[in-house]
Protein backbone atom coordinates (compact mmCIF):
# COMPACT_ATOMS: atom_id res chain seq x y z
CA MET A 1 16.02 -49.75 26.44
CA THR A 2 13.16 -49.61 29.24
CA VAL A 3 9.87 -50.94 28.23
CA ILE A 4 6.64 -50.00 30.23
CA GLN A 5 3.28 -51.50 29.48
CA SER A 6 0.46 -49.91 27.59
CA VAL A 7 -3.11 -50.83 26.54
CA ARG A 8 -1.66 -52.26 23.41
CA GLY A 9 1.37 -53.98 25.10
CA PRO A 10 4.91 -52.98 25.76
CA VAL A 11 6.27 -49.67 24.59
CA ASP A 12 9.85 -48.59 24.91
CA VAL A 13 9.89 -45.22 26.82
CA ALA A 14 11.97 -43.96 24.15
CA ASP A 15 9.11 -44.11 21.66
CA LEU A 16 6.52 -42.35 24.03
CA GLY A 17 7.09 -39.11 22.23
CA PRO A 18 5.05 -35.93 23.31
CA THR A 19 3.05 -37.18 26.32
CA LEU A 20 0.12 -35.69 28.36
CA MET A 21 0.50 -37.13 31.75
CA HIS A 22 -3.03 -36.78 33.14
CA GLU A 23 -5.89 -37.52 30.76
CA HIS A 24 -8.90 -40.02 31.23
CA VAL A 25 -10.58 -41.89 28.23
CA PHE A 26 -13.69 -42.54 30.35
CA ILE A 27 -14.88 -41.51 33.76
CA VAL A 28 -18.03 -43.22 34.10
CA ASP A 29 -19.53 -44.83 37.33
CA GLU A 30 -20.63 -48.10 36.00
CA GLU A 31 -23.25 -48.66 38.98
CA TYR A 32 -24.80 -45.15 38.22
CA ARG A 33 -24.60 -45.81 34.28
CA SER A 34 -26.18 -49.24 34.51
CA ASN A 35 -29.13 -48.14 36.66
CA TYR A 36 -29.84 -44.69 35.57
CA VAL A 37 -28.69 -44.12 31.88
CA PRO A 38 -31.00 -45.96 29.68
CA ASP A 39 -30.06 -44.45 26.50
CA TRP A 40 -26.30 -45.18 26.96
CA ASP A 41 -24.87 -46.35 23.60
CA GLU A 42 -21.60 -48.24 24.06
CA ASP A 43 -20.47 -48.06 20.35
CA ALA A 44 -21.08 -44.44 19.87
CA ARG A 45 -19.14 -43.47 23.27
CA VAL A 46 -16.43 -45.70 21.99
CA GLN A 47 -16.35 -43.94 18.59
CA ASP A 48 -16.26 -40.61 20.10
CA ALA A 49 -13.52 -41.14 22.34
CA ALA A 50 -11.54 -42.51 19.31
CA ARG A 51 -12.45 -39.16 17.47
CA GLN A 52 -11.17 -37.13 20.03
CA LEU A 53 -7.86 -38.96 20.60
CA THR A 54 -7.34 -38.99 16.95
CA GLU A 55 -7.65 -35.12 16.60
CA LEU A 56 -5.20 -35.19 19.67
CA LYS A 57 -2.85 -37.52 17.91
CA GLY A 58 -3.18 -35.07 14.72
CA ARG A 59 -1.54 -32.41 17.07
CA GLY A 60 1.52 -34.50 17.45
CA ILE A 61 0.76 -36.15 20.91
CA ASN A 62 1.90 -39.67 20.79
CA THR A 63 1.03 -40.90 24.23
CA ILE A 64 -1.67 -40.19 27.02
CA VAL A 65 -1.26 -41.38 30.86
CA ASP A 66 -4.65 -42.31 32.19
CA PRO A 67 -4.97 -42.54 35.86
CA THR A 68 -8.53 -43.85 36.01
CA VAL A 69 -8.43 -46.33 38.99
CA LEU A 70 -11.09 -47.63 41.47
CA GLY A 71 -13.51 -44.88 42.35
CA LEU A 72 -13.46 -43.38 38.77
CA GLY A 73 -15.02 -46.24 36.84
CA ARG A 74 -11.97 -47.92 35.45
CA ASN A 75 -13.06 -50.20 32.69
CA ILE A 76 -10.07 -51.41 30.67
CA PRO A 77 -12.12 -53.49 27.77
CA ARG A 78 -13.85 -50.23 26.79
CA VAL A 79 -10.48 -48.63 26.67
CA LYS A 80 -9.25 -51.37 24.59
CA ARG A 81 -11.92 -51.02 22.09
CA VAL A 82 -11.11 -47.23 21.75
CA ASN A 83 -7.32 -47.87 21.27
CA GLU A 84 -8.02 -50.39 18.46
CA LEU A 85 -9.49 -47.29 16.58
CA VAL A 86 -6.60 -44.72 17.23
CA ASP A 87 -2.83 -45.06 16.89
CA ILE A 88 -1.84 -43.55 20.28
CA ASN A 89 -0.43 -44.91 23.40
CA ILE A 90 -2.48 -45.18 26.44
CA ILE A 91 -0.83 -45.82 29.83
CA VAL A 92 -2.98 -47.12 32.57
CA ALA A 93 -2.94 -47.19 36.26
CA THR A 94 -3.91 -49.08 39.32
CA GLY A 95 -4.84 -47.67 42.53
CA VAL A 96 -7.88 -45.99 44.41
CA TYR A 97 -9.29 -42.70 44.02
CA THR A 98 -10.98 -41.52 47.36
CA TYR A 99 -10.97 -38.30 49.42
CA ASP A 100 -12.01 -39.98 52.71
CA LYS A 101 -12.87 -43.72 52.73
CA VAL A 102 -11.63 -46.77 51.07
CA PRO A 103 -14.16 -48.76 48.91
CA HIS A 104 -16.34 -50.89 51.19
CA GLU A 105 -14.92 -54.11 49.75
CA PHE A 106 -11.71 -53.19 51.70
CA ARG A 107 -13.21 -51.82 54.81
CA PHE A 108 -13.18 -54.88 57.20
CA THR A 109 -10.17 -56.64 55.76
CA GLY A 110 -6.49 -55.88 56.35
CA PRO A 111 -3.87 -55.36 59.27
CA GLY A 112 -5.80 -54.66 62.52
CA LEU A 113 -9.30 -54.82 60.86
CA LEU A 114 -12.03 -57.23 61.58
CA PHE A 115 -10.68 -59.99 59.22
CA GLU A 116 -7.14 -59.64 59.95
CA SER A 117 -4.80 -60.15 56.91
CA GLU A 118 -1.84 -58.42 54.93
CA GLU A 119 -2.96 -55.20 53.14
CA PRO A 120 -5.09 -56.31 50.38
CA LEU A 121 -4.83 -53.05 48.72
CA THR A 122 -1.18 -53.53 48.22
CA GLN A 123 -1.82 -56.99 46.62
CA ALA A 124 -4.19 -55.93 44.41
CA PHE A 125 -2.09 -53.15 43.08
CA ILE A 126 0.88 -55.53 42.54
CA THR A 127 -1.24 -57.80 40.63
CA ASP A 128 -2.51 -55.28 38.22
CA ILE A 129 1.09 -54.43 37.68
CA GLU A 130 2.78 -57.66 37.47
CA LYS A 131 0.16 -59.93 36.22
CA GLY A 132 -2.62 -57.67 34.54
CA ILE A 133 -5.95 -56.20 35.31
CA ALA A 134 -8.65 -58.84 35.62
CA ASP A 135 -8.56 -60.93 32.35
CA THR A 136 -7.90 -57.99 29.84
CA GLY A 137 -4.29 -58.75 29.29
CA VAL A 138 -3.51 -55.25 29.98
CA ARG A 139 -1.03 -54.39 32.80
CA ALA A 140 -0.88 -51.23 34.71
CA ALA A 141 2.14 -48.93 34.55
CA PHE A 142 1.86 -46.75 37.40
CA LEU A 143 -0.02 -46.19 40.65
CA LYS A 144 -2.66 -43.58 41.68
CA CYS A 145 -3.78 -42.16 45.08
CA ALA A 146 -5.36 -38.85 46.11
CA ILE A 147 -5.49 -36.56 49.14
CA ASP A 148 -7.85 -33.53 48.74
CA GLU A 149 -9.37 -30.95 51.16
CA PRO A 150 -10.48 -33.27 53.68
CA GLY A 151 -6.73 -34.05 54.29
CA LEU A 152 -5.25 -37.33 55.60
CA THR A 153 -8.05 -39.39 56.79
CA ASN A 154 -7.25 -42.90 58.13
CA ASP A 155 -8.33 -44.25 54.81
CA VAL A 156 -6.57 -41.76 52.46
CA GLU A 157 -3.39 -42.68 54.37
CA ARG A 158 -3.93 -46.40 54.09
CA VAL A 159 -4.32 -46.11 50.41
CA MET A 160 -1.51 -43.83 50.05
CA ARG A 161 0.75 -46.20 52.23
CA ALA A 162 -0.41 -49.28 50.16
CA VAL A 163 0.40 -47.20 46.81
CA GLY A 164 3.62 -46.62 48.27
CA GLN A 165 4.41 -50.23 49.20
CA ALA A 166 3.45 -51.45 45.83
CA SER A 167 5.65 -48.88 44.22
CA VAL A 168 8.66 -50.10 46.31
CA GLN A 169 8.01 -53.71 45.44
CA THR A 170 7.40 -53.14 41.73
CA GLY A 171 9.41 -49.99 40.76
CA ALA A 172 6.08 -48.50 39.28
CA PRO A 173 5.93 -44.87 39.60
CA ILE A 174 2.95 -42.76 41.37
CA THR A 175 0.50 -40.05 40.45
CA VAL A 176 -1.06 -38.19 43.33
CA HIS A 177 -4.12 -36.39 43.03
CA THR A 178 -3.68 -33.41 45.31
CA HIS A 179 -5.46 -30.26 46.72
CA ALA A 180 -2.98 -27.48 45.93
CA HIS A 181 -4.62 -24.73 47.91
CA SER A 182 -4.07 -26.81 51.26
CA ARG A 183 -0.52 -27.78 50.06
CA SER A 184 -1.35 -31.43 50.29
CA GLY A 185 1.17 -32.30 48.00
CA LEU A 186 3.79 -31.87 50.84
CA VAL A 187 1.78 -34.46 52.94
CA ALA A 188 1.80 -36.93 50.13
CA GLN A 189 5.59 -36.54 49.90
CA ARG A 190 6.07 -37.11 53.72
CA VAL A 191 3.84 -40.19 53.48
CA LEU A 192 5.29 -41.75 50.66
CA LYS A 193 8.78 -41.13 51.66
CA GLU A 194 8.18 -42.83 54.99
CA GLU A 195 7.15 -45.96 52.94
CA GLY A 196 10.65 -45.83 51.05
CA VAL A 197 9.48 -44.38 47.83
CA ASP A 198 11.94 -42.35 45.81
CA LEU A 199 10.10 -38.96 45.24
CA SER A 200 11.63 -38.62 41.84
CA LYS A 201 9.25 -41.39 40.93
CA VAL A 202 6.16 -39.13 41.97
CA VAL A 203 4.07 -36.90 40.05
CA ILE A 204 2.18 -34.18 42.31
CA GLY A 205 -1.01 -33.99 40.35
CA HIS A 206 -2.86 -30.68 40.09
CA SER A 207 0.03 -28.59 41.37
CA GLY A 208 -0.92 -26.21 38.52
CA ASP A 209 -3.99 -25.18 40.47
CA SER A 210 -1.61 -23.05 42.56
CA ASP A 211 0.44 -20.08 42.02
CA ASP A 212 2.50 -20.15 45.02
CA LEU A 213 5.75 -20.40 43.67
CA ASP A 214 7.54 -21.35 47.09
CA TYR A 215 5.12 -24.16 47.39
CA LEU A 216 5.61 -25.66 43.97
CA CYS A 217 9.54 -25.15 44.38
CA GLU A 218 9.32 -26.77 47.51
CA LEU A 219 7.67 -29.95 45.86
CA ALA A 220 10.34 -29.75 43.06
CA ASP A 221 13.19 -29.52 45.25
CA ALA A 222 12.15 -32.76 46.81
CA GLY A 223 12.60 -34.44 43.48
CA SER A 224 9.13 -35.03 42.51
CA LEU A 225 7.40 -33.69 39.18
CA LEU A 226 4.70 -31.22 39.11
CA GLY A 227 1.56 -31.81 37.55
CA MET A 228 0.50 -28.74 35.80
CA ASP A 229 -2.48 -30.86 34.43
CA ARG A 230 -5.82 -29.01 34.67
CA CYS A 231 -5.18 -26.78 31.80
CA GLY A 232 -8.70 -25.78 30.66
CA ALA A 233 -10.43 -26.15 33.87
CA ASP A 234 -10.42 -22.30 34.03
CA PHE A 235 -13.11 -22.41 36.84
CA THR A 236 -10.36 -23.56 39.43
CA THR A 237 -7.53 -21.33 38.08
CA PRO A 238 -7.82 -18.94 35.20
CA PHE A 239 -5.93 -19.47 31.87
CA ASP A 240 -3.39 -16.51 32.37
CA VAL A 241 -2.59 -17.65 35.86
CA ARG A 242 -1.92 -21.31 34.85
CA VAL A 243 0.18 -20.16 32.04
CA ASP A 244 2.07 -17.44 33.94
CA THR A 245 3.06 -20.00 36.59
CA VAL A 246 4.33 -22.28 34.25
CA ALA A 247 6.54 -19.73 32.63
CA GLN A 248 7.60 -18.16 35.89
CA MET A 249 8.82 -21.86 37.07
CA VAL A 250 10.60 -22.15 33.78
CA ARG A 251 12.51 -18.90 34.42
CA ARG A 252 13.54 -20.16 37.86
CA GLY A 253 14.85 -23.17 36.24
CA TYR A 254 12.26 -25.78 36.68
CA ALA A 255 11.43 -26.98 33.31
CA GLY A 256 12.69 -30.31 34.20
CA SER A 257 10.25 -30.51 37.17
CA MET A 258 7.09 -30.11 35.18
CA VAL A 259 4.76 -31.98 32.99
CA LEU A 260 1.68 -30.72 31.26
CA SER A 261 -2.01 -32.04 30.68
CA HIS A 262 -5.79 -31.20 31.17
CA ASP A 263 -7.23 -33.92 33.40
CA TYR A 264 -9.92 -34.30 30.56
CA ALA A 265 -12.17 -37.05 30.05
CA CYS A 266 -13.54 -38.08 26.53
CA CYS A 267 -16.62 -39.03 28.42
CA PHE A 268 -17.05 -37.59 31.88
CA PHE A 269 -20.15 -38.40 33.93
CA MET A 270 -19.17 -36.13 36.80
CA MET A 271 -20.51 -33.25 34.58
CA PRO A 272 -23.49 -32.80 32.30
CA ALA A 273 -22.18 -33.50 28.72
CA ASP A 274 -24.06 -30.75 27.21
CA ARG A 275 -22.84 -28.06 29.62
CA ILE A 276 -19.17 -28.74 29.98
CA HIS A 277 -18.04 -26.48 27.64
CA GLU A 278 -20.55 -23.68 28.47
CA ALA A 279 -18.81 -23.71 32.00
CA MET A 280 -15.48 -24.32 30.68
CA PRO A 281 -14.88 -23.30 26.98
CA ASN A 282 -11.27 -24.15 26.72
CA PHE A 283 -11.52 -27.62 28.21
CA SER A 284 -10.63 -30.25 25.57
CA LEU A 285 -7.63 -32.35 24.57
CA THR A 286 -6.15 -30.19 22.10
CA HIS A 287 -6.18 -26.91 24.36
CA ILE A 288 -2.57 -27.46 25.33
CA SER A 289 -1.57 -27.75 21.67
CA ASP A 290 -3.85 -24.83 20.41
CA ASP A 291 -3.64 -22.36 23.16
CA VAL A 292 -1.20 -23.14 26.16
CA LEU A 293 1.86 -23.70 24.03
CA PRO A 294 1.38 -20.58 21.92
CA ALA A 295 1.05 -18.72 25.18
CA LEU A 296 4.04 -20.18 26.70
CA ARG A 297 6.05 -19.35 23.88
CA ALA A 298 4.81 -15.68 23.85
CA ARG A 299 6.00 -15.68 27.49
CA GLY A 300 9.49 -16.67 26.54
CA VAL A 301 9.29 -20.28 26.99
CA SER A 302 11.54 -22.19 24.44
CA ASP A 303 10.86 -25.04 22.26
CA GLU A 304 13.65 -26.84 23.94
CA ASP A 305 11.57 -26.18 27.44
CA ILE A 306 8.51 -27.28 25.96
CA GLU A 307 9.98 -30.58 24.81
CA THR A 308 11.44 -31.00 27.97
CA MET A 309 8.03 -30.91 29.80
CA LEU A 310 6.13 -32.99 27.08
CA VAL A 311 8.76 -35.38 26.14
CA ALA A 312 11.92 -35.67 28.29
CA ASN A 313 10.14 -35.51 31.78
CA PRO A 314 7.48 -38.14 30.97
CA ARG A 315 10.32 -40.36 29.48
CA LYS A 316 12.53 -39.86 32.58
CA HIS A 317 9.42 -40.56 34.92
CA PHE A 318 8.66 -43.92 33.51
CA ALA A 319 12.39 -44.72 32.84
């Protein structure tokens, strides 16, 4: 039996069931919210998130993996409130989300910096995993970092190496936000491997933005899982292209190398709430269940392959 941590406490990986590997309950910048959103209604937001997750649960999804970390407005007490209202496993992360600079709190302290010390990022991540996040009683079960179009800036590399070090020391797996069109997943694999990370413990996030099968196969052949995880975000890659890519990868024998998700947030401050579905009509937590899975089956993807992507691969990742 392998037990991992969730918002509600330890859970056996065998009990994760169908799992969406990259969803957010809230993406809310707390500094912005507290200064510029005078009509914020915490109770209403919590109730609405619980409603959406209950609808997802009704589609047979048992678990979501939430990579909301520093830089995305992580607020564990708020997520705990939601989880009290819905019977679903929520797995949370530690790490830093940045495309360029570290948070100012880490800018001057660390190896070779003004205030010389061991890497504080690594220690912060380890604390979240081994002891818990602040005083919430919730422990992170995985790590998150990012590399986007700006590439491997000094600070992006610093965060990525700290994530790699924390993974090696704790055994926690990793999700990396990547920019598929610049093939930055390969850069992430190189850096993490240099830190001693087992690449089979890494999800290369947003791989589904690409239909470059050679690139995707190269990532998978190195051992990592491919995050086909922006289903419904059709403004980056159209629906048919996303589904065709997954189906083609399955035909090439890579069902065991992919996980599915939306990268959705029940509350998403990066976009105006009243216009999200105007711009992306398919963007919802139930899009995979309602639209993607039928489209995959129509392209010859078997129920066994779907179960591999939704159940077996997440279980293997956390085990």
